[in-house]
Protein backbone atom coordinates (compact mmCIF):
# COMPACT_ATOMS: atom_id res chain seq x y z
CA MET A 1 -33.73 -27.89 -72.73
CA ASP A 2 -34.50 -25.02 -70.87
CA GLU A 3 -32.11 -24.24 -67.70
CA SER A 4 -33.79 -25.12 -64.62
CA ARG A 5 -36.01 -23.11 -62.28
CA PRO A 6 -36.96 -22.34 -59.20
CA VAL A 7 -40.14 -23.98 -57.84
CA ARG A 8 -40.74 -22.07 -54.70
CA ASP A 9 -40.92 -18.73 -52.85
CA GLU A 10 -37.88 -17.10 -51.41
CA SER A 11 -39.44 -18.23 -47.79
CA GLU A 12 -38.68 -21.60 -48.55
CA SER A 13 -35.60 -23.80 -50.29
CA GLN A 14 -35.37 -23.77 -53.88
CA VAL A 15 -34.80 -27.28 -55.68
CA THR A 16 -34.06 -27.21 -59.44
CA LEU A 17 -33.32 -30.07 -62.02
CA ARG A 18 -31.69 -30.53 -65.13
CA LEU A 19 -31.55 -33.53 -67.49
CA ARG A 20 -29.15 -33.72 -69.97
CA GLN A 21 -28.52 -36.72 -72.68
CA GLU A 22 -25.35 -37.75 -74.38
CA ARG A 23 -26.80 -37.99 -77.93
CA HIS A 24 -30.42 -37.46 -79.46
CA PHE A 25 -30.21 -39.98 -81.96
CA ILE A 26 -31.11 -43.82 -81.65
CA ARG A 27 -29.81 -46.36 -83.97
CA ALA A 28 -32.27 -48.32 -85.81
CA SER A 29 -30.68 -51.42 -84.05
CA GLY A 30 -31.53 -50.10 -80.86
CA SER A 31 -28.97 -48.17 -78.92
CA ARG A 32 -27.60 -47.92 -75.00
CA LEU A 33 -27.68 -44.12 -74.11
CA HIS A 34 -27.33 -42.01 -70.74
CA ILE A 35 -28.50 -38.78 -69.22
CA ASP A 36 -27.06 -37.02 -66.49
CA VAL A 37 -29.93 -35.76 -64.26
CA GLU A 38 -28.01 -32.77 -62.11
CA LEU A 39 -30.08 -31.50 -59.25
CA ARG A 40 -29.31 -28.53 -56.70
CA ALA A 41 -30.91 -27.43 -53.69
CA GLU A 42 -30.85 -23.76 -52.25
CA PRO A 43 -31.56 -22.31 -48.92
CA PRO A 44 -34.44 -20.12 -48.34
CA VAL A 45 -33.32 -16.38 -48.98
CA HIS A 46 -35.69 -15.01 -46.04
CA PRO A 47 -36.23 -18.27 -43.91
CA SER A 48 -39.09 -17.88 -41.62
CA GLY A 49 -39.95 -20.07 -38.70
CA PRO A 50 -37.41 -21.80 -36.77
CA GLU A 51 -33.52 -21.79 -38.16
CA ARG A 52 -33.77 -25.98 -38.56
CA LEU A 53 -35.91 -28.68 -38.57
CA PRO A 54 -35.93 -30.74 -35.45
CA VAL A 55 -33.95 -33.83 -35.44
CA ALA A 56 -35.06 -37.21 -34.42
CA LEU A 57 -31.79 -39.44 -33.97
CA ALA A 58 -31.64 -42.92 -33.09
CA LEU A 59 -28.02 -44.25 -31.61
CA VAL A 60 -27.33 -47.67 -32.18
CA VAL A 61 -24.29 -49.23 -30.98
CA ASP A 62 -22.63 -52.93 -31.37
CA ARG A 63 -21.72 -53.96 -28.18
CA SER A 64 -20.83 -57.66 -29.23
CA GLY A 65 -17.65 -58.94 -27.85
CA SER A 66 -15.47 -57.47 -30.76
CA MET A 67 -16.12 -54.26 -29.60
CA ALA A 68 -14.36 -54.45 -26.41
CA GLY A 69 -11.86 -52.07 -25.55
CA ASP A 70 -11.13 -48.58 -27.41
CA LYS A 71 -13.88 -49.33 -29.93
CA LEU A 72 -16.19 -49.41 -27.40
CA GLY A 73 -15.55 -46.89 -25.27
CA MET A 74 -14.83 -44.31 -28.26
CA ALA A 75 -18.16 -45.29 -29.34
CA LYS A 76 -19.58 -44.35 -26.04
CA ARG A 77 -17.80 -40.79 -26.52
CA ALA A 78 -18.97 -40.38 -29.54
CA VAL A 79 -22.86 -40.81 -28.57
CA LEU A 80 -21.71 -37.98 -25.98
CA GLY A 81 -20.75 -36.17 -28.41
CA VAL A 82 -23.37 -36.25 -30.28
CA LEU A 83 -25.88 -35.23 -27.38
CA GLU A 84 -23.98 -32.05 -27.11
CA LEU A 85 -25.20 -30.85 -30.59
CA LEU A 86 -28.78 -31.60 -30.03
CA LYS A 87 -31.35 -28.90 -28.76
CA GLU A 88 -34.27 -29.90 -26.36
CA ARG A 89 -36.77 -29.50 -29.45
CA ASP A 90 -34.72 -32.88 -30.97
CA GLN A 91 -35.75 -36.29 -29.77
CA VAL A 92 -33.16 -39.18 -29.36
CA ALA A 93 -33.15 -42.71 -28.57
CA VAL A 94 -30.17 -44.95 -27.84
CA VAL A 95 -29.75 -48.69 -28.47
CA VAL A 96 -27.45 -50.93 -27.71
CA TYR A 97 -27.40 -54.75 -28.87
CA ASP A 98 -25.63 -58.06 -29.11
CA ASP A 99 -27.54 -61.04 -29.32
CA CYS A 100 -29.93 -59.22 -27.10
CA ILE A 101 -31.47 -55.67 -27.66
CA ASP A 102 -31.24 -53.27 -24.92
CA VAL A 103 -33.20 -49.81 -25.14
CA LEU A 104 -31.03 -47.30 -23.00
CA GLN A 105 -33.37 -44.32 -23.90
CA PRO A 106 -36.55 -44.33 -25.64
CA ALA A 107 -37.36 -41.61 -27.85
CA ALA A 108 -37.30 -38.51 -25.63
CA PRO A 109 -36.50 -34.63 -25.86
CA ALA A 110 -32.90 -34.29 -25.57
CA THR A 111 -33.00 -32.33 -22.46
CA ALA A 112 -30.27 -32.07 -19.86
CA GLN A 113 -31.71 -34.75 -17.95
CA VAL A 114 -32.00 -37.11 -20.68
CA LYS A 115 -28.56 -36.98 -21.70
CA ALA A 116 -27.45 -37.20 -17.98
CA THR A 117 -29.53 -40.50 -18.15
CA ILE A 118 -27.89 -41.82 -21.45
CA ARG A 119 -24.42 -40.76 -19.88
CA GLN A 120 -25.05 -42.85 -16.72
CA ALA A 121 -26.85 -45.75 -18.79
CA LEU A 122 -23.71 -46.30 -21.09
CA GLU A 123 -21.17 -46.34 -18.06
CA LYS A 124 -22.58 -49.35 -17.53
CA VAL A 125 -22.35 -51.13 -20.98
CA ASP A 126 -19.87 -53.88 -21.71
CA ALA A 127 -18.98 -56.04 -24.90
CA ARG A 128 -20.41 -59.49 -24.92
CA ALA A 129 -21.92 -61.87 -27.22
CA THR A 130 -22.87 -61.90 -30.78
CA THR A 131 -24.14 -59.56 -33.09
CA ALA A 132 -27.84 -59.09 -33.98
CA LEU A 133 -27.94 -56.56 -36.17
CA HIS A 134 -30.72 -56.59 -38.25
CA GLN A 135 -32.96 -56.30 -34.85
CA GLY A 136 -30.67 -53.64 -33.31
CA TRP A 137 -31.36 -51.40 -36.59
CA LEU A 138 -34.97 -52.25 -36.69
CA THR A 139 -35.45 -51.27 -32.73
CA GLY A 140 -33.27 -48.14 -32.98
CA CYS A 141 -36.00 -47.41 -36.20
CA HIS A 142 -39.00 -48.31 -34.38
CA ALA A 143 -37.98 -46.39 -31.14
CA ILE A 144 -38.07 -42.99 -33.31
CA ALA A 145 -40.74 -43.64 -35.15
CA SER A 146 -43.94 -41.55 -35.31
CA ASP A 147 -47.29 -41.65 -36.49
CA ALA A 148 -49.12 -39.44 -34.43
CA PRO A 149 -51.65 -37.03 -36.72
CA GLY A 150 -49.90 -33.57 -37.02
CA ALA A 151 -46.86 -34.67 -35.58
CA VAL A 152 -44.23 -31.82 -36.02
CA GLU A 153 -41.82 -31.71 -39.40
CA ARG A 154 -38.89 -33.52 -38.29
CA LEU A 155 -35.60 -35.32 -39.92
CA ALA A 156 -35.24 -39.04 -38.67
CA ARG A 157 -32.20 -40.89 -38.69
CA CYS A 158 -30.79 -44.12 -37.54
CA PHE A 159 -27.07 -43.96 -37.00
CA LEU A 160 -25.70 -47.88 -37.09
CA LEU A 161 -22.36 -48.86 -35.71
CA THR A 162 -21.06 -52.13 -35.93
CA ASP A 163 -17.60 -53.99 -36.41
CA GLY A 164 -18.95 -57.45 -37.11
CA LEU A 165 -20.94 -59.41 -39.39
CA ALA A 166 -24.71 -60.00 -38.76
CA ASN A 167 -24.91 -63.26 -37.27
CA VAL A 168 -28.15 -63.51 -35.43
CA GLY A 169 -31.56 -63.02 -37.09
CA GLU A 170 -31.79 -61.83 -40.30
CA THR A 171 -28.73 -61.72 -42.17
CA ASP A 172 -29.08 -61.32 -45.92
CA PRO A 173 -27.96 -58.13 -47.25
CA GLU A 174 -30.55 -57.73 -49.95
CA ARG A 175 -33.56 -58.54 -47.31
CA ILE A 176 -31.70 -56.08 -44.80
CA ALA A 177 -31.46 -53.30 -47.83
CA ALA A 178 -34.90 -53.74 -48.95
CA ASP A 179 -36.01 -53.27 -45.19
CA ALA A 180 -33.91 -49.88 -45.00
CA ALA A 181 -35.67 -48.87 -48.23
CA GLY A 182 -39.27 -49.53 -46.69
CA ILE A 183 -38.51 -47.90 -43.50
CA ARG A 184 -37.23 -45.00 -45.71
CA GLU A 185 -40.49 -44.51 -47.64
CA HIS A 186 -43.01 -45.17 -45.36
CA ALA A 187 -41.48 -44.33 -41.78
CA ARG A 188 -39.69 -41.29 -42.89
CA ILE A 189 -36.55 -42.75 -41.46
CA SER A 190 -33.36 -42.56 -43.08
CA THR A 191 -30.12 -44.79 -42.27
CA SER A 192 -26.71 -44.41 -41.74
CA THR A 193 -24.16 -46.99 -41.44
CA PHE A 194 -20.52 -46.80 -39.59
CA GLY A 195 -18.50 -49.79 -40.35
CA ILE A 196 -15.16 -49.93 -38.23
CA GLY A 197 -12.25 -52.38 -38.50
CA ALA A 198 -11.99 -55.47 -40.86
CA ASP A 199 -14.18 -57.75 -40.03
CA TYR A 200 -17.57 -55.77 -40.74
CA ASP A 201 -19.48 -56.56 -44.00
CA GLU A 202 -19.16 -53.48 -46.71
CA GLY A 203 -21.25 -55.63 -49.11
CA LEU A 204 -24.24 -55.66 -46.16
CA LEU A 205 -23.48 -51.56 -44.58
CA GLY A 206 -23.00 -49.75 -48.04
CA PRO A 207 -26.35 -51.14 -49.72
CA MET A 208 -27.96 -50.68 -46.47
CA ALA A 209 -26.93 -46.89 -46.45
CA VAL A 210 -27.84 -46.37 -50.35
CA ALA A 211 -31.64 -48.04 -49.94
CA GLY A 212 -31.81 -46.17 -46.42
CA GLY A 213 -31.29 -42.59 -48.41
CA GLY A 214 -28.11 -42.09 -45.87
CA GLN A 215 -24.69 -42.40 -45.96
CA PHE A 216 -22.14 -45.31 -45.33
CA HIS A 217 -18.89 -44.64 -43.61
CA HIS A 218 -15.67 -47.20 -43.40
CA LEU A 219 -14.18 -45.85 -40.16
CA ARG A 220 -10.32 -46.89 -40.16
CA SER A 221 -9.25 -46.13 -36.31
CA GLU A 222 -11.67 -45.71 -32.85
CA ARG A 223 -10.92 -41.71 -33.57
CA ASP A 224 -13.02 -41.92 -36.60
CA ILE A 225 -16.21 -42.89 -34.51
CA LEU A 226 -16.55 -39.39 -33.12
CA SER A 227 -15.56 -37.30 -36.26
CA THR A 228 -18.02 -39.16 -38.47
CA PHE A 229 -21.02 -38.98 -35.96
CA THR A 230 -20.58 -35.06 -35.28
CA GLY A 231 -19.80 -34.49 -39.06
CA GLU A 232 -23.17 -36.25 -40.29
CA LEU A 233 -25.14 -35.00 -37.49
CA GLY A 234 -23.77 -31.39 -38.50
CA ASP A 235 -24.79 -31.91 -42.25
CA MET A 236 -28.17 -32.93 -40.65
CA LEU A 237 -28.48 -29.65 -38.99
CA ALA A 238 -28.09 -27.82 -42.33
CA VAL A 239 -30.58 -29.99 -44.67
CA ALA A 240 -32.61 -27.61 -47.19
CA ALA A 241 -34.53 -30.08 -48.65
CA ALA A 242 -35.75 -33.54 -47.23
CA GLN A 243 -36.24 -36.80 -48.23
CA VAL A 244 -35.70 -36.21 -51.94
CA ARG A 245 -36.24 -38.70 -54.55
CA LEU A 246 -35.94 -38.51 -58.48
CA GLU A 247 -39.15 -39.79 -60.22
CA LEU A 248 -38.55 -40.92 -64.41
CA ASP A 249 -41.60 -41.69 -66.38
CA ILE A 250 -39.98 -44.35 -68.53
CA PRO A 251 -41.88 -46.46 -71.46
CA PRO A 252 -41.98 -49.99 -70.22
CA GLU A 253 -40.15 -51.03 -73.58
CA LEU A 254 -37.03 -49.38 -72.20
CA SER A 255 -34.82 -50.90 -69.80
CA VAL A 256 -33.03 -48.73 -67.09
CA ASP A 257 -29.67 -48.88 -65.25
CA VAL A 258 -28.89 -46.31 -62.48
CA VAL A 259 -25.27 -46.27 -62.84
CA SER A 260 -24.73 -44.09 -59.76
CA ASP A 261 -24.88 -45.62 -56.47
CA TYR A 262 -28.68 -44.81 -55.72
CA TRP A 263 -31.81 -47.28 -54.84
CA MET A 264 -34.39 -47.83 -57.40
CA GLY A 265 -37.89 -48.73 -56.85
CA GLN A 266 -41.21 -48.73 -58.57
CA ALA A 267 -43.32 -45.51 -57.87
CA ALA A 268 -45.90 -46.82 -60.20
CA PRO A 269 -46.80 -48.59 -63.59
CA GLY A 270 -44.01 -46.86 -66.12
CA ARG A 271 -42.63 -44.83 -63.39
CA ILE A 272 -39.17 -45.33 -61.08
CA SER A 273 -38.28 -43.82 -57.98
CA ILE A 274 -34.61 -43.08 -57.42
CA ALA A 275 -34.31 -42.27 -53.62
CA VAL A 276 -31.61 -39.16 -53.22
CA GLY A 277 -31.77 -38.64 -49.59
CA ASP A 278 -31.58 -35.03 -47.94
CA LEU A 279 -29.63 -32.51 -49.68
CA LEU A 280 -28.04 -29.59 -47.77
CA GLY A 281 -28.13 -26.09 -48.96
CA GLY A 282 -26.13 -25.36 -51.98
CA GLU A 283 -25.54 -28.74 -52.60
CA GLN A 284 -25.65 -30.09 -56.20
CA ARG A 285 -25.52 -33.84 -57.09
CA HIS A 286 -25.49 -35.74 -60.38
CA ILE A 287 -26.98 -39.14 -61.01
CA VAL A 288 -26.35 -41.18 -64.34
CA VAL A 289 -28.87 -43.10 -65.53
CA ARG A 290 -28.52 -45.40 -68.71
CA PHE A 291 -31.02 -46.70 -70.97
CA ALA A 292 -31.29 -49.73 -73.13
CA PHE A 293 -33.65 -48.98 -76.53
CA PRO A 294 -34.89 -51.56 -78.68
CA PRO A 295 -34.76 -52.05 -82.47
CA GLN A 296 -36.93 -49.54 -84.24
CA ALA A 297 -39.97 -50.94 -85.08
CA ASP A 298 -43.11 -48.53 -85.73
CA ARG A 299 -42.10 -45.68 -83.68
CA GLY A 300 -40.21 -42.71 -84.23
CA GLY A 301 -38.42 -42.37 -80.76
CA TRP A 302 -38.78 -42.51 -76.86
CA PRO A 303 -39.63 -39.51 -74.34
CA VAL A 304 -37.88 -39.76 -70.95
CA ARG A 305 -39.36 -37.47 -68.04
CA GLY A 306 -38.42 -36.77 -64.82
CA ARG A 307 -39.05 -34.44 -61.60
CA LEU A 308 -37.90 -34.21 -57.96
CA VAL A 309 -40.10 -34.86 -55.07
CA TRP A 310 -39.30 -33.59 -51.75
CA SER A 311 -40.63 -32.56 -48.05
CA ALA A 312 -40.58 -29.34 -46.68
CA GLY A 313 -43.15 -27.06 -44.50
CA GLY A 314 -45.01 -30.23 -43.27
CA ALA A 315 -45.85 -31.07 -46.99
CA GLU A 316 -44.53 -32.72 -50.05
CA HIS A 317 -43.18 -30.50 -53.11
CA SER A 318 -42.23 -31.43 -56.36
CA THR A 319 -40.51 -29.51 -59.34
CA GLY A 320 -42.46 -29.62 -62.68
CA TRP A 321 -41.49 -32.28 -64.85
CA GLU A 322 -38.45 -32.24 -67.35
CA GLU A 323 -38.67 -34.07 -70.45
CA VAL A 324 -35.78 -34.88 -73.04
CA HIS A 325 -36.64 -36.97 -76.41
CA PHE A 326 -34.44 -39.66 -78.24
CA ALA A 327 -35.22 -40.29 -82.06
CA TYR A 328 -34.22 -43.05 -84.26
CA ALA A 329 -32.04 -42.11 -86.86
CA ASP A 330 -29.91 -44.24 -89.70
CA ASP A 331 -26.34 -44.71 -89.09
CA ALA A 332 -24.64 -41.62 -90.80
CA ALA A 333 -26.86 -39.25 -88.65
CA CYS A 334 -25.68 -41.38 -85.53
CA ASP A 335 -21.96 -41.28 -86.55
CA ALA A 336 -22.06 -37.52 -87.23
CA GLU A 337 -23.91 -36.70 -84.17
CA VAL A 338 -21.22 -36.13 -81.42
CA ARG A 339 -21.82 -36.93 -77.71
CA ASP A 340 -22.54 -33.97 -75.26
CA ALA A 341 -18.98 -33.78 -73.45
CA SER A 342 -20.44 -32.50 -70.44
CA VAL A 343 -22.61 -35.24 -70.09
CA MET A 344 -20.02 -37.84 -70.59
CA HIS A 345 -17.61 -36.16 -67.92
CA TRP A 346 -20.66 -37.68 -65.39
CA VAL A 347 -21.16 -40.72 -67.04
CA GLY A 348 -17.48 -41.68 -67.29
CA LEU A 349 -16.69 -40.87 -63.37
CA HIS A 350 -19.59 -42.54 -62.33
CA HIS A 351 -19.00 -45.31 -64.55
CA ALA A 352 -15.40 -45.37 -63.18
CA GLU A 353 -16.33 -45.71 -59.59
CA ARG A 354 -19.24 -48.34 -59.67
CA ALA A 355 -16.28 -50.34 -61.68
CA LYS A 356 -14.38 -49.90 -58.69
CA ARG A 357 -16.98 -51.52 -56.35
CA GLN A 358 -17.26 -54.45 -58.80
CA ALA A 359 -13.40 -55.09 -58.75
CA ALA A 360 -13.23 -55.07 -55.41
CA GLU A 361 -15.90 -57.19 -54.42
CA LEU A 362 -14.88 -59.53 -57.27
CA SER A 363 -11.23 -59.45 -55.73
CA ARG A 364 -12.57 -60.07 -52.14
CA LYS A 365 -14.20 -63.40 -53.63
CA GLY A 366 -11.33 -64.53 -55.38
CA ASP A 367 -12.82 -63.95 -58.85
CA LEU A 368 -9.56 -62.42 -60.46
CA ALA A 369 -10.36 -62.91 -63.85
CA GLY A 370 -13.89 -60.93 -63.32
CA THR A 371 -11.44 -58.21 -61.24
CA ARG A 372 -9.56 -57.83 -64.76
CA ARG A 373 -12.39 -57.90 -67.04
CA THR A 374 -14.47 -55.18 -64.97
CA LEU A 375 -11.53 -52.75 -64.87
CA HIS A 376 -10.11 -53.05 -68.26
CA SER A 377 -13.74 -53.37 -69.85
CA VAL A 378 -14.78 -49.80 -68.32
CA ALA A 379 -11.47 -48.14 -68.67
CA ARG A 380 -11.32 -49.11 -72.44
CA HIS A 381 -14.79 -47.45 -72.86
CA ILE A 382 -14.01 -44.32 -71.23
CA ALA A 383 -10.68 -44.17 -73.02
CA GLN A 384 -12.99 -43.80 -76.21
CA TYR A 385 -14.34 -40.40 -75.06
CA ALA A 386 -12.05 -39.17 -72.11
CA GLY A 387 -9.96 -36.66 -74.42
CA ASP A 388 -8.45 -34.01 -72.70
CA ASP A 389 -10.86 -33.69 -69.75
CA ALA A 390 -8.58 -34.23 -66.73
CA ASP A 391 -11.04 -35.27 -64.08
CA LEU A 392 -11.47 -38.69 -66.71
CA ARG A 393 -8.16 -38.98 -67.53
CA ALA A 394 -7.63 -39.23 -63.13
CA ALA A 395 -10.26 -41.77 -63.24
CA LEU A 396 -8.14 -44.07 -66.13
CA SER A 397 -5.40 -43.77 -64.02
CA SER A 398 -7.03 -44.53 -60.91
CA LEU A 399 -8.96 -47.74 -62.32
CA GLN A 400 -4.98 -48.59 -63.78
CA GLU A 401 -3.42 -48.63 -59.95
CA LEU A 402 -6.61 -50.81 -59.06
CA ARG A 403 -5.21 -53.53 -61.33
CA CYS A 404 -3.52 -55.06 -58.47
CA LEU A 405 -6.74 -56.32 -57.48
CA ALA A 406 -6.51 -58.49 -60.02
CA ASP A 407 -3.28 -60.35 -58.70
CA ARG A 408 -4.53 -61.55 -55.84
CA PRO A 409 -7.84 -61.26 -53.14
CA ALA A 410 -7.81 -57.85 -52.04
CA ASP A 411 -7.00 -56.90 -48.58
CA ALA A 412 -9.81 -56.57 -46.22
CA LEU A 413 -9.39 -52.91 -45.07
CA PHE A 414 -7.97 -51.70 -48.54
CA ALA A 415 -11.12 -53.64 -50.38
CA LYS A 416 -13.38 -51.52 -47.78
CA GLU A 417 -11.49 -48.55 -48.35
CA VAL A 418 -12.10 -48.62 -52.35
CA ARG A 419 -15.99 -49.46 -51.73
CA TYR A 420 -16.26 -46.38 -49.54
CA GLN A 421 -14.19 -43.58 -51.51
CA SER A 422 -16.33 -45.02 -54.51
CA GLN A 423 -19.94 -44.97 -52.76
CA ARG A 424 -19.07 -41.46 -51.63
CA ARG A 425 -17.79 -39.82 -54.58
CA SER A 426 -20.54 -41.61 -56.77
CA ARG A 427 -23.49 -39.98 -54.41
CA GLY A 428 -21.42 -36.31 -53.65
CA GLN A 429 -20.95 -37.16 -50.12
CA ARG A 430 -18.19 -36.31 -47.46
CA ASP A 431 -15.67 -38.15 -45.80
CA TYR A 432 -15.87 -36.67 -42.24
CA ARG A 433 -12.69 -38.79 -41.17
CA ASP A 434 -10.01 -37.75 -39.12
CA PRO A 435 -7.52 -36.55 -41.50
CA GLY A 436 -4.65 -37.59 -39.22
CA ASP A 437 -5.30 -41.38 -39.76
């Protein structure tokens, strides 16, 4: 496979893609094999036009009764801190919710007057009642949605902050995640979720952010609200490629498993789409995908090809298609073929992170036997190819340390931290939290 190549001129961001396979040969009886998809975005060498895209930001804050006190006070200060980073060409909307939804500020340019209006409105917000999370989030997304023809290109994102469970209106995590995916695909608005304390549902906020192409944040204290809000917004202001997705053309006879924590959808018959989200200049990510190849019939192998698609300059752009080919071979040839160690590095790391997420969830549900099986099975497989790879050896140690999850149901805060760190590492994202906590 040739090295990836720039696909745009020097006045625009460059995005590159490389597909690498762990092995080339498939056993006649069938095999499960991985590819590592490496993607990278570079900022323009000679930028033209504004220094960055304008931002459309919806700030959606839980004001239910459990947010009373320091949490709600810090949430208000975080909103004000974010406002200070926005320019007049940016747009902002602010929504607060309990079992009722109030739009404190419809989408408007982030002028000094609008910021003052938001500041005054926040002073009157008190904690009360229950949690209509889905409707509050949806109201925020609708506030910054734009279907005007010829609208200025922008980055649109909804920040959703909560400390509790969705208990009014739509509460099903899978349906809410599917809605987040739909908003991302059709309205081009991504969603990031911020959960604080021990009572929110990481099984809702984590997948919601994945489907929405944003980030999930587990906040350990009130101080983390400000640092994560401003940290993520700061990265939004440095995006080089927006609304990135990986498209893979795959024969329908193959089954596909995205090991890394990304949302997969069907783009067209025989084509899947994996939502990557926004990429910063200089950012590199790895996405691990596993294919199950059927027993050999009347064909010699299977092709898999992929490309990246993203938005820039008011238009959609894409890399060229990259292709890898898997071929059937006899057992002797399969046994003799050596796995690509650089691919297995990422395969092992991402399987380890997925095992941690699954183990934490199983432990929280009281399935201690399932927790033990998950950790043991994945560790056993990684040990077969870890060799002297220091990162894989460290991953094995971390799986060993998490065997405490199989001894008794996981503490809520510990399980949330495991989920957060695992999802963050799998997606190559940053930890913006206060290092003093």
